[in-house]
Amino acid sequence: AKVASFSTIPVCAGFGIRAAEDIAAVGLYVSGAIVGSALVEVLERGEDPTPFLKSLIR
């Protein structure tokens, strides 16, 4: 069963989400995905986050 079916509000997953493939895998069960740590790592390296974020969007 979808995790979201147990809640009246959107449910998001946020552990181990680093790539579009991860989002696709959890997307079957939740309303959204959180890429917090992966984004922070990109920013800490001083990189432009735009390419990383675009790689996550279908």
PDB file of N, CA and C in Angstrom:
ATOM      1  N   ALA A   1       0.841  -1.190   0.000  1.00  0.00           N
ATOM      2  CA  ALA A   1       0.000   0.000   0.000  1.00  0.00           C
ATOM      3  C   ALA A   1       0.879   1.245   0.000  1.00  0.00           C
ATOM      4  N   LYS A   2       0.370   2.279  -0.613  1.00  0.00           N
ATOM      5  CA  LYS A   2       1.100   3.540  -0.620  1.00  0.00           C
ATOM      6  C   LYS A   2       1.117   4.135   0.777  1.00  0.00           C
ATOM      7  N   VAL A   3       2.259   4.641   1.189  1.00  0.00           N
ATOM      8  CA  VAL A   3       2.371   5.298   2.486  1.00  0.00           C
ATOM      9  C   VAL A   3       1.393   6.460   2.542  1.00  0.00           C
ATOM     10  N   ALA A   4       1.261   7.176   1.445  1.00  0.00           N
ATOM     11  CA  ALA A   4       0.385   8.344   1.397  1.00  0.00           C
ATOM     12  C   ALA A   4      -1.070   7.993   1.679  1.00  0.00           C
ATOM     13  N   SER A   5      -1.456   6.742   1.503  1.00  0.00           N
ATOM     14  CA  SER A   5      -2.846   6.359   1.762  1.00  0.00           C
ATOM     15  C   SER A   5      -3.184   6.389   3.245  1.00  0.00           C
ATOM     16  N   PHE A   6      -2.179   6.489   4.100  1.00  0.00           N
ATOM     17  CA  PHE A   6      -2.399   6.533   5.540  1.00  0.00           C
ATOM     18  C   PHE A   6      -2.478   7.957   6.078  1.00  0.00           C
ATOM     19  N   SER A   7      -2.376   8.949   5.205  1.00  0.00           N
ATOM     20  CA  SER A   7      -2.330  10.341   5.643  1.00  0.00           C
ATOM     21  C   SER A   7      -3.208  11.212   4.751  1.00  0.00           C
ATOM     22  N   THR A   8      -3.748  12.263   5.344  1.00  0.00           N
ATOM     23  CA  THR A   8      -4.538  13.221   4.567  1.00  0.00           C
ATOM     24  C   THR A   8      -3.667  14.362   4.045  1.00  0.00           C
ATOM     25  N   ILE A   9      -2.409  14.400   4.476  1.00  0.00           N
ATOM     26  CA  ILE A   9      -1.474  15.415   3.992  1.00  0.00           C
ATOM     27  C   ILE A   9      -0.385  14.721   3.166  1.00  0.00           C
ATOM     28  N   PRO A  10       0.289  15.447   2.276  1.00  0.00           N
ATOM     29  CA  PRO A  10       1.338  14.825   1.464  1.00  0.00           C
ATOM     30  C   PRO A  10       2.447  14.223   2.334  1.00  0.00           C
ATOM     31  N   VAL A  11       2.945  13.079   1.932  1.00  0.00           N
ATOM     32  CA  VAL A  11       4.025  12.388   2.631  1.00  0.00           C
ATOM     33  C   VAL A  11       5.248  12.394   1.720  1.00  0.00           C
ATOM     34  N   CYS A  12       6.405  12.758   2.285  1.00  0.00           N
ATOM     35  CA  CYS A  12       7.643  12.805   1.513  1.00  0.00           C
ATOM     36  C   CYS A  12       8.692  11.885   2.128  1.00  0.00           C
ATOM     37  N   ALA A  13       9.592  11.392   1.294  1.00  0.00           N
ATOM     38  CA  ALA A  13      10.721  10.586   1.748  1.00  0.00           C
ATOM     39  C   ALA A  13      11.978  11.430   1.642  1.00  0.00           C
ATOM     40  N   GLY A  14      12.881  11.270   2.605  1.00  0.00           N
ATOM     41  CA  GLY A  14      14.068  12.100   2.590  1.00  0.00           C
ATOM     42  C   GLY A  14      15.347  11.408   3.007  1.00  0.00           C
ATOM     43  N   PHE A  15      15.394  10.093   2.984  1.00  0.00           N
ATOM     44  CA  PHE A  15      16.613   9.387   3.369  1.00  0.00           C
ATOM     45  C   PHE A  15      17.213   8.711   2.151  1.00  0.00           C
ATOM     46  N   GLY A  16      18.465   9.021   1.851  1.00  0.00           N
ATOM     47  CA  GLY A  16      19.154   8.372   0.743  1.00  0.00           C
ATOM     48  C   GLY A  16      18.754   8.846  -0.641  1.00  0.00           C
ATOM     49  N   ILE A  17      18.130  10.000  -0.732  1.00  0.00           N
ATOM     50  CA  ILE A  17      17.704  10.528  -2.027  1.00  0.00           C
ATOM     51  C   ILE A  17      18.846  11.356  -2.610  1.00  0.00           C
ATOM     52  N   ARG A  18      19.468  10.848  -3.689  1.00  0.00           N
ATOM     53  CA  ARG A  18      20.609  11.531  -4.283  1.00  0.00           C
ATOM     54  C   ARG A  18      20.518  11.667  -5.792  1.00  0.00           C
ATOM     55  N   ALA A  19      19.591  10.946  -6.408  1.00  0.00           N
ATOM     56  CA  ALA A  19      19.523  10.941  -7.874  1.00  0.00           C
ATOM     57  C   ALA A  19      18.082  10.735  -8.323  1.00  0.00           C
ATOM     58  N   ALA A  20      17.847  11.004  -9.597  1.00  0.00           N
ATOM     59  CA  ALA A  20      16.501  10.842 -10.159  1.00  0.00           C
ATOM     60  C   ALA A  20      15.994   9.415  -9.982  1.00  0.00           C
ATOM     61  N   GLU A  21      16.895   8.444 -10.043  1.00  0.00           N
ATOM     62  CA  GLU A  21      16.499   7.043  -9.868  1.00  0.00           C
ATOM     63  C   GLU A  21      15.946   6.794  -8.468  1.00  0.00           C
ATOM     64  N   ASP A  22      16.537   7.456  -7.464  1.00  0.00           N
ATOM     65  CA  ASP A  22      16.052   7.325  -6.087  1.00  0.00           C
ATOM     66  C   ASP A  22      14.649   7.909  -5.965  1.00  0.00           C
ATOM     67  N   ILE A  23      14.442   9.042  -6.606  1.00  0.00           N
ATOM     68  CA  ILE A  23      13.130   9.688  -6.572  1.00  0.00           C
ATOM     69  C   ILE A  23      12.093   8.801  -7.249  1.00  0.00           C
ATOM     70  N   ALA A  24      12.463   8.219  -8.376  1.00  0.00           N
ATOM     71  CA  ALA A  24      11.537   7.333  -9.084  1.00  0.00           C
ATOM     72  C   ALA A  24      11.163   6.135  -8.222  1.00  0.00           C
ATOM     73  N   ALA A  25      12.122   5.599  -7.492  1.00  0.00           N
ATOM     74  CA  ALA A  25      11.862   4.420  -6.664  1.00  0.00           C
ATOM     75  C   ALA A  25      10.901   4.723  -5.522  1.00  0.00           C
ATOM     76  N   VAL A  26      11.086   5.846  -4.843  1.00  0.00           N
ATOM     77  CA  VAL A  26      10.194   6.162  -3.721  1.00  0.00           C
ATOM     78  C   VAL A  26       8.911   6.822  -4.196  1.00  0.00           C
ATOM     79  N   GLY A  27       8.938   7.380  -5.405  1.00  0.00           N
ATOM     80  CA  GLY A  27       7.767   8.078  -5.937  1.00  0.00           C
ATOM     81  C   GLY A  27       6.541   7.206  -6.082  1.00  0.00           C
ATOM     82  N   LEU A  28       6.743   5.911  -6.108  1.00  0.00           N
ATOM     83  CA  LEU A  28       5.607   4.990  -6.183  1.00  0.00           C
ATOM     84  C   LEU A  28       4.815   4.958  -4.880  1.00  0.00           C
ATOM     85  N   TYR A  29       5.433   5.400  -3.786  1.00  0.00           N
ATOM     86  CA  TYR A  29       4.838   5.238  -2.460  1.00  0.00           C
ATOM     87  C   TYR A  29       4.565   6.538  -1.719  1.00  0.00           C
ATOM     88  N   VAL A  30       5.186   7.629  -2.144  1.00  0.00           N
ATOM     89  CA  VAL A  30       5.039   8.905  -1.441  1.00  0.00           C
ATOM     90  C   VAL A  30       4.724  10.030  -2.421  1.00  0.00           C
ATOM     91  N   SER A  31       4.373  11.176  -1.871  1.00  0.00           N
ATOM     92  CA  SER A  31       4.000  12.331  -2.689  1.00  0.00           C
ATOM     93  C   SER A  31       5.195  13.138  -3.181  1.00  0.00           C
ATOM     94  N   GLY A  32       6.327  13.022  -2.490  1.00  0.00           N
ATOM     95  CA  GLY A  32       7.486  13.812  -2.871  1.00  0.00           C
ATOM     96  C   GLY A  32       8.760  13.268  -2.267  1.00  0.00           C
ATOM     97  N   ALA A  33       9.888  13.845  -2.690  1.00  0.00           N
ATOM     98  CA  ALA A  33      11.191  13.424  -2.193  1.00  0.00           C
ATOM     99  C   ALA A  33      11.992  14.652  -1.779  1.00  0.00           C
ATOM    100  N   ILE A  34      12.808  14.481  -0.743  1.00  0.00           N
ATOM    101  CA  ILE A  34      13.624  15.563  -0.201  1.00  0.00           C
ATOM    102  C   ILE A  34      15.088  15.226  -0.454  1.00  0.00           C
ATOM    103  N   VAL A  35      15.822  16.147  -1.048  1.00  0.00           N
ATOM    104  CA  VAL A  35      17.223  15.907  -1.381  1.00  0.00           C
ATOM    105  C   VAL A  35      18.149  16.788  -0.546  1.00  0.00           C
ATOM    106  N   GLY A  36      17.809  17.032   0.688  1.00  0.00           N
ATOM    107  CA  GLY A  36      18.529  17.966   1.548  1.00  0.00           C
ATOM    108  C   GLY A  36      20.025  17.770   1.621  1.00  0.00           C
ATOM    109  N   SER A  37      20.489  16.627   2.107  1.00  0.00           N
ATOM    110  CA  SER A  37      21.925  16.398   2.303  1.00  0.00           C
ATOM    111  C   SER A  37      22.689  16.424   0.993  1.00  0.00           C
ATOM    112  N   ALA A  38      22.119  15.850  -0.044  1.00  0.00           N
ATOM    113  CA  ALA A  38      22.792  15.840  -1.344  1.00  0.00           C
ATOM    114  C   ALA A  38      22.965  17.264  -1.870  1.00  0.00           C
ATOM    115  N   LEU A  39      21.968  18.105  -1.681  1.00  0.00           N
ATOM    116  CA  LEU A  39      22.069  19.500  -2.116  1.00  0.00           C
ATOM    117  C   LEU A  39      23.103  20.250  -1.284  1.00  0.00           C
ATOM    118  N   VAL A  40      23.119  20.028   0.015  1.00  0.00           N
ATOM    119  CA  VAL A  40      24.104  20.680   0.882  1.00  0.00           C
ATOM    120  C   VAL A  40      25.521  20.303   0.454  1.00  0.00           C
ATOM    121  N   GLU A  41      25.744  19.042   0.095  1.00  0.00           N
ATOM    122  CA  GLU A  41      27.070  18.613  -0.358  1.00  0.00           C
ATOM    123  C   GLU A  41      27.502  19.358  -1.614  1.00  0.00           C
ATOM    124  N   VAL A  42      26.593  19.550  -2.543  1.00  0.00           N
ATOM    125  CA  VAL A  42      26.899  20.306  -3.763  1.00  0.00           C
ATOM    126  C   VAL A  42      27.283  21.738  -3.399  1.00  0.00           C
ATOM    127  N   LEU A  43      26.517  22.349  -2.517  1.00  0.00           N
ATOM    128  CA  LEU A  43      26.789  23.727  -2.109  1.00  0.00           C
ATOM    129  C   LEU A  43      28.106  23.838  -1.346  1.00  0.00           C
ATOM    130  N   GLU A  44      28.405  22.866  -0.485  1.00  0.00           N
ATOM    131  CA  GLU A  44      29.659  22.895   0.277  1.00  0.00           C
ATOM    132  C   GLU A  44      30.882  22.786  -0.627  1.00  0.00           C
ATOM    133  N   ARG A  45      30.732  22.124  -1.765  1.00  0.00           N
ATOM    134  CA  ARG A  45      31.836  22.033  -2.731  1.00  0.00           C
ATOM    135  C   ARG A  45      31.979  23.324  -3.541  1.00  0.00           C
ATOM    136  N   GLY A  46      31.078  24.265  -3.321  1.00  0.00           N
ATOM    137  CA  GLY A  46      31.131  25.533  -4.035  1.00  0.00           C
ATOM    138  C   GLY A  46      30.625  25.451  -5.460  1.00  0.00           C
ATOM    139  N   GLU A  47      29.884  24.390  -5.760  1.00  0.00           N
ATOM    140  CA  GLU A  47      29.371  24.191  -7.113  1.00  0.00           C
ATOM    141  C   GLU A  47      28.024  24.885  -7.299  1.00  0.00           C
ATOM    142  N   ASP A  48      27.733  25.202  -8.542  1.00  0.00           N
ATOM    143  CA  ASP A  48      26.415  25.721  -8.898  1.00  0.00           C
ATOM    144  C   ASP A  48      25.422  24.564  -8.750  1.00  0.00           C
ATOM    145  N   PRO A  49      24.383  24.708  -7.949  1.00  0.00           N
ATOM    146  CA  PRO A  49      23.442  23.609  -7.735  1.00  0.00           C
ATOM    147  C   PRO A  49      22.475  23.377  -8.897  1.00  0.00           C
ATOM    148  N   THR A  50      22.442  24.291  -9.861  1.00  0.00           N
ATOM    149  CA  THR A  50      21.469  24.185 -10.948  1.00  0.00           C
ATOM    150  C   THR A  50      21.552  22.861 -11.711  1.00  0.00           C
ATOM    151  N   PRO A  51      22.733  22.420 -12.159  1.00  0.00           N
ATOM    152  CA  PRO A  51      22.786  21.143 -12.884  1.00  0.00           C
ATOM    153  C   PRO A  51      22.307  19.962 -12.035  1.00  0.00           C
ATOM    154  N   PHE A  52      22.680  19.953 -10.766  1.00  0.00           N
ATOM    155  CA  PHE A  52      22.243  18.875  -9.880  1.00  0.00           C
ATOM    156  C   PHE A  52      20.725  18.865  -9.759  1.00  0.00           C
ATOM    157  N   LEU A  53      20.145  20.020  -9.506  1.00  0.00           N
ATOM    158  CA  LEU A  53      18.692  20.096  -9.339  1.00  0.00           C
ATOM    159  C   LEU A  53      17.966  19.734 -10.631  1.00  0.00           C
ATOM    160  N   LYS A  54      18.488  20.191 -11.762  1.00  0.00           N
ATOM    161  CA  LYS A  54      17.861  19.848 -13.044  1.00  0.00           C
ATOM    162  C   LYS A  54      17.922  18.347 -13.311  1.00  0.00           C
ATOM    163  N   SER A  55      18.964  17.685 -12.818  1.00  0.00           N
ATOM    164  CA  SER A  55      19.093  16.241 -13.039  1.00  0.00           C
ATOM    165  C   SER A  55      18.029  15.448 -12.280  1.00  0.00           C
ATOM    166  N   LEU A  56      17.407  16.072 -11.298  1.00  0.00           N
ATOM    167  CA  LEU A  56      16.392  15.401 -10.484  1.00  0.00           C
ATOM    168  C   LEU A  56      14.990  15.535 -11.055  1.00  0.00           C
ATOM    169  N   ILE A  57      14.809  16.496 -11.948  1.00  0.00           N
ATOM    170  CA  ILE A  57      13.478  16.790 -12.478  1.00  0.00           C
ATOM    171  C   ILE A  57      13.264  16.051 -13.784  1.00  0.00           C
ATOM    172  N   ARG A  58      12.104  15.452 -13.895  1.00  0.00           N
ATOM    173  CA  ARG A  58      11.771  14.763 -15.148  1.00  0.00           C
ATOM    174  C   ARG A  58      11.188  15.736 -16.123  1.00  0.00           C
TER     175      ARG A  58
END
